[in-house]
Amino acid sequence: MTLKVSRTGTKPEWIKSSYSTSDGPDCIEVATAPAHILVRDSKNPNGPRLALAPATWATFLPYASVH
């Protein structure tokens, strides 16, 4: 993941989960920030976001891939 630079400063480049499709269901999006991994609901991009430390994100990933 990379950061996308805008005119107003540095904005995160959000990447939608591969489980989200144009036909649904919506899922999550993630982005990187200088010290965090950001997570948001793709149905509500202006809503609340989680900011996770990289180590916390790495611990979470094995559980996220189980369905």
Protein backbone atom coordinates (compact mmCIF):
# COMPACT_ATOMS: atom_id res chain seq x y z
CA MET A 1 0.00 0.00 0.00
CA THR A 2 1.15 3.51 -0.71
CA LEU A 3 0.13 7.01 0.27
CA LYS A 4 -1.43 9.26 -2.35
CA VAL A 5 -0.44 12.92 -2.18
CA SER A 6 -3.15 15.53 -2.75
CA ARG A 7 -3.07 19.31 -2.96
CA THR A 8 -4.21 19.56 0.65
CA GLY A 9 -1.52 17.26 2.00
CA THR A 10 -1.06 13.53 2.27
CA LYS A 11 -4.23 11.49 1.87
CA PRO A 12 -4.29 7.74 2.28
CA GLU A 13 -4.90 5.62 -0.79
CA TRP A 14 -7.72 3.27 0.17
CA ILE A 15 -7.68 -0.30 -1.14
CA LYS A 16 -10.95 -2.24 -1.15
CA SER A 17 -11.03 -5.84 0.02
CA SER A 18 -11.00 -8.43 -2.76
CA TYR A 19 -14.22 -9.80 -1.18
CA SER A 20 -16.02 -6.57 -2.22
CA THR A 21 -17.40 -6.54 -5.74
CA SER A 22 -19.52 -4.12 -7.74
CA ASP A 23 -22.43 -6.53 -7.19
CA GLY A 24 -21.88 -6.63 -3.41
CA PRO A 25 -21.40 -7.31 -0.66
CA ASP A 26 -19.42 -4.32 0.47
CA CYS A 27 -16.64 -5.03 2.89
CA ILE A 28 -13.69 -3.07 4.24
CA GLU A 29 -11.01 -0.82 2.83
CA VAL A 30 -7.50 -0.38 4.20
CA ALA A 31 -4.83 2.29 3.80
CA THR A 32 -1.46 3.06 5.30
CA ALA A 33 -0.60 6.10 7.37
CA PRO A 34 2.83 6.99 8.75
CA ALA A 35 2.40 4.91 11.93
CA HIS A 36 -0.87 3.04 11.42
CA ILE A 37 -2.94 0.82 9.18
CA LEU A 38 -6.32 2.47 8.65
CA VAL A 39 -9.51 0.42 8.25
CA ARG A 40 -12.96 1.66 7.20
CA ASP A 41 -16.32 0.29 6.04
CA SER A 42 -16.51 0.55 2.24
CA LYS A 43 -20.26 1.28 2.49
CA ASN A 44 -19.55 4.31 4.67
CA PRO A 45 -16.24 5.84 3.56
CA ASN A 46 -16.84 9.04 5.55
CA GLY A 47 -17.73 7.13 8.72
CA PRO A 48 -15.56 5.96 11.59
CA ARG A 49 -12.14 4.46 10.97
CA LEU A 50 -9.89 2.21 12.95
CA ALA A 51 -6.20 3.08 13.26
CA LEU A 52 -4.16 -0.02 14.07
CA ALA A 53 -0.48 -0.30 14.90
CA PRO A 54 1.39 -2.37 12.28
CA ALA A 55 2.01 -5.18 14.80
CA THR A 56 -1.70 -5.31 15.68
CA TRP A 57 -2.61 -5.46 11.98
CA ALA A 58 -0.14 -8.29 11.40
CA THR A 59 -1.63 -10.23 14.34
CA PHE A 60 -5.17 -9.68 13.01
CA LEU A 61 -4.56 -10.77 9.40
CA PRO A 62 -4.51 -14.56 9.93
CA TYR A 63 -7.95 -14.31 11.58
CA ALA A 64 -9.36 -12.10 8.82
CA SER A 65 -8.61 -14.61 6.08
CA VAL A 66 -10.71 -17.34 7.73
CA HIS A 67 -14.32 -17.44 6.58
